Protein backbone atom coordinates (compact mmCIF):
# COMPACT_ATOMS: atom_id res chain seq x y z
CA MET A 1 123.38 81.65 143.47
CA TRP A 2 125.59 82.11 140.60
CA VAL A 3 123.94 78.86 138.90
CA HIS A 4 120.55 80.21 139.25
CA ARG A 5 121.81 83.40 137.50
CA VAL A 6 123.42 81.56 134.77
CA ARG A 7 120.36 79.48 134.28
CA ASP A 8 118.13 82.51 134.13
CA ARG A 9 120.34 84.10 131.70
CA LEU A 10 120.38 81.08 129.44
CA ARG A 11 116.45 80.89 129.76
CA ASP A 12 116.14 84.59 128.66
CA ARG A 13 118.33 84.05 125.46
CA LEU A 14 116.45 80.97 124.66
CA CYS A 15 113.11 82.63 124.96
CA ALA A 16 114.38 85.88 123.02
CA ALA A 17 115.79 83.56 120.45
CA SER A 18 112.51 81.55 120.04
CA SER A 19 110.54 84.89 119.65
CA HIS A 20 112.67 86.08 117.09
CA GLU A 21 112.08 82.80 115.07
CA SER A 22 108.28 83.01 115.51
CA ASP A 23 108.43 86.72 113.89
CA ARG A 24 110.05 85.24 110.82
CA GLY A 25 108.18 86.11 107.67
CA LEU A 26 106.06 88.62 109.33
CA SER A 27 107.18 91.66 107.35
CA THR A 28 106.41 89.68 104.01
CA VAL A 29 102.83 89.19 105.44
CA GLU A 30 102.67 93.08 106.17
CA VAL A 31 103.77 93.89 102.70
CA VAL A 32 101.42 91.54 101.03
CA ILE A 33 98.64 92.63 103.05
CA LEU A 34 99.51 96.72 103.03
CA ALA A 35 100.67 97.05 99.45
CA PRO A 36 97.37 96.60 97.73
CA VAL A 37 95.78 99.04 100.23
CA MET A 38 98.34 101.56 99.54
CA ILE A 39 98.15 101.23 95.84
CA LEU A 40 94.23 101.49 95.94
CA PHE A 41 94.69 104.50 98.04
CA ILE A 42 96.90 106.08 95.62
CA LEU A 43 94.58 105.12 92.67
CA VAL A 44 91.57 106.98 94.78
CA LEU A 45 93.78 110.16 95.15
CA VAL A 46 94.41 110.36 91.46
CA GLY A 47 90.81 109.73 90.65
CA PHE A 48 89.82 112.40 93.07
CA GLY A 49 92.70 114.65 91.49
CA GLN A 50 91.08 114.11 88.14
CA LEU A 51 87.72 115.42 89.43
CA VAL A 52 89.25 118.56 91.07
CA GLU A 53 91.18 119.31 87.68
CA GLY A 54 87.78 118.81 85.72
CA ARG A 55 85.95 121.25 88.15
CA GLY A 56 88.68 123.93 87.27
CA ALA A 57 88.84 123.08 83.72
CA ILE A 58 84.97 123.34 83.44
CA ASP A 59 85.08 126.75 85.08
CA SER A 60 87.78 127.97 82.88
CA ALA A 61 85.98 126.77 79.72
CA ALA A 62 82.67 128.60 80.92
CA ARG A 63 84.65 131.59 81.27
CA ASP A 64 86.21 131.46 77.98
CA ALA A 65 83.12 130.55 76.29
CA ALA A 66 81.17 133.50 77.84
CA ARG A 67 83.97 135.85 76.62
CA ALA A 68 84.11 134.45 73.27
CA GLY A 69 80.33 134.81 72.72
CA SER A 70 80.24 138.28 74.13
CA ILE A 71 82.43 139.86 71.66
CA GLN A 72 80.27 138.67 68.75
CA LYS A 73 77.74 140.72 66.65
CA ASP A 74 74.69 138.24 66.99
CA ARG A 75 73.46 135.51 68.78
CA GLY A 76 73.90 132.65 66.62
CA THR A 77 77.74 133.54 65.79
CA ALA A 78 78.06 133.98 69.85
CA MET A 79 76.68 130.75 70.42
CA SER A 80 79.01 128.93 67.79
CA GLU A 81 81.87 130.78 69.08
CA ALA A 82 81.15 129.89 72.66
CA LYS A 83 80.87 126.15 71.80
CA ARG A 84 83.98 126.24 69.88
CA ALA A 85 85.78 127.85 72.77
CA ALA A 86 84.56 125.48 75.42
CA SER A 87 85.32 122.42 73.36
CA ALA A 88 89.00 123.50 72.59
CA ASN A 89 89.33 123.91 76.23
CA LEU A 90 87.94 120.46 77.37
CA THR A 91 89.41 118.08 74.68
CA ASP A 92 91.31 116.11 77.09
CA VAL A 93 89.27 116.53 80.17
CA CYS A 94 85.73 115.06 79.15
CA SER A 95 84.89 111.81 78.04
CA GLY A 96 81.65 112.81 76.27
CA PRO A 97 80.38 115.66 74.46
CA VAL A 98 80.61 119.22 75.65
CA THR A 99 77.06 121.02 76.16
CA VAL A 100 77.04 124.95 75.80
CA THR A 101 73.88 126.51 76.83
CA GLN A 102 72.88 130.29 76.75
CA THR A 103 71.15 131.04 79.97
CA SER A 104 70.89 134.81 79.63
CA ASP A 105 67.88 136.40 78.14
CA GLY A 106 68.49 138.50 74.82
CA PHE A 107 71.51 139.66 73.11
CA GLU A 108 71.26 143.31 73.57
CA PRO A 109 74.16 145.84 73.82
CA GLY A 110 74.97 146.67 77.39
CA GLY A 111 73.41 143.50 78.60
CA PHE A 112 75.08 140.23 79.64
CA PHE A 113 75.86 136.98 77.85
CA THR A 114 75.62 133.84 80.40
CA VAL A 115 76.36 130.41 79.33
CA GLU A 116 76.39 127.28 81.25
CA VAL A 117 78.95 124.52 80.20
CA SER A 118 78.52 120.82 81.33
CA CYS A 119 80.40 117.60 80.47
CA THR A 120 81.01 114.22 81.82
CA VAL A 121 84.66 114.10 83.30
CA ARG A 122 86.67 110.92 83.25
CA GLY A 123 87.40 111.04 87.17
CA LEU A 124 86.84 107.64 88.92
CA LYS A 125 85.78 105.47 85.97
CA MET A 126 89.35 104.34 85.67
CA LEU A 127 88.97 102.72 89.08
CA GLY A 128 85.73 100.98 87.94
CA LEU A 129 83.68 103.18 90.12
CA ASP A 130 80.42 104.45 88.02
CA LEU A 131 79.96 107.62 90.05
CA PRO A 132 78.25 110.46 88.39
CA THR A 133 80.74 112.79 87.12
CA GLU A 134 78.86 115.23 85.30
CA LEU A 135 80.12 118.68 85.86
CA THR A 136 78.58 122.27 84.92
CA GLY A 137 80.24 125.59 85.06
CA ARG A 138 78.69 128.94 84.35
CA SER A 139 79.97 132.10 83.65
CA THR A 140 78.65 135.79 82.72
CA SER A 141 80.29 138.24 80.39
CA PRO A 142 79.13 141.85 79.66
CA LEU A 143 78.08 142.57 76.18
CA ASP A 144 80.03 145.61 74.82
CA PRO A 145 77.60 148.50 74.61
CA TYR A 146 79.41 150.04 71.47
CA ARG A 147 79.73 146.93 69.40
CA ARG A 148 78.09 147.03 66.04
CA ALA A 149 75.03 144.73 66.06
CA ALA A 150 74.25 142.64 62.65
């Protein structure tokens, strides 16, 4: 009886030792497989983070452009100031030119000055994904009814 117990214990120890030896190098393989996947996941998160930041920057630039244009005396000056304000806000966000378009009618006191700002945001191009990243923001600001028109 005791011989059988000793034999069983030895067999269990040998099996355990051989299973540990067969697992040798397994963590290296796991790291080699999982490291590129994790790095790619982090890069995708960074790319989408840039898109979210770009959306906020476009909306902010549209707001500033509408405000800068609404306090001017005439439509021509309003559009040039709106373009200047939007371009200043989007210098390090957009990879192409910034487009500012007035979408409201007229420029009469008491009316509204609405602009649409758009540009191409860097976003996922750093990963080699050429997804359309043209973002557009729109904002409206009231024209001062007491301003002096030119």
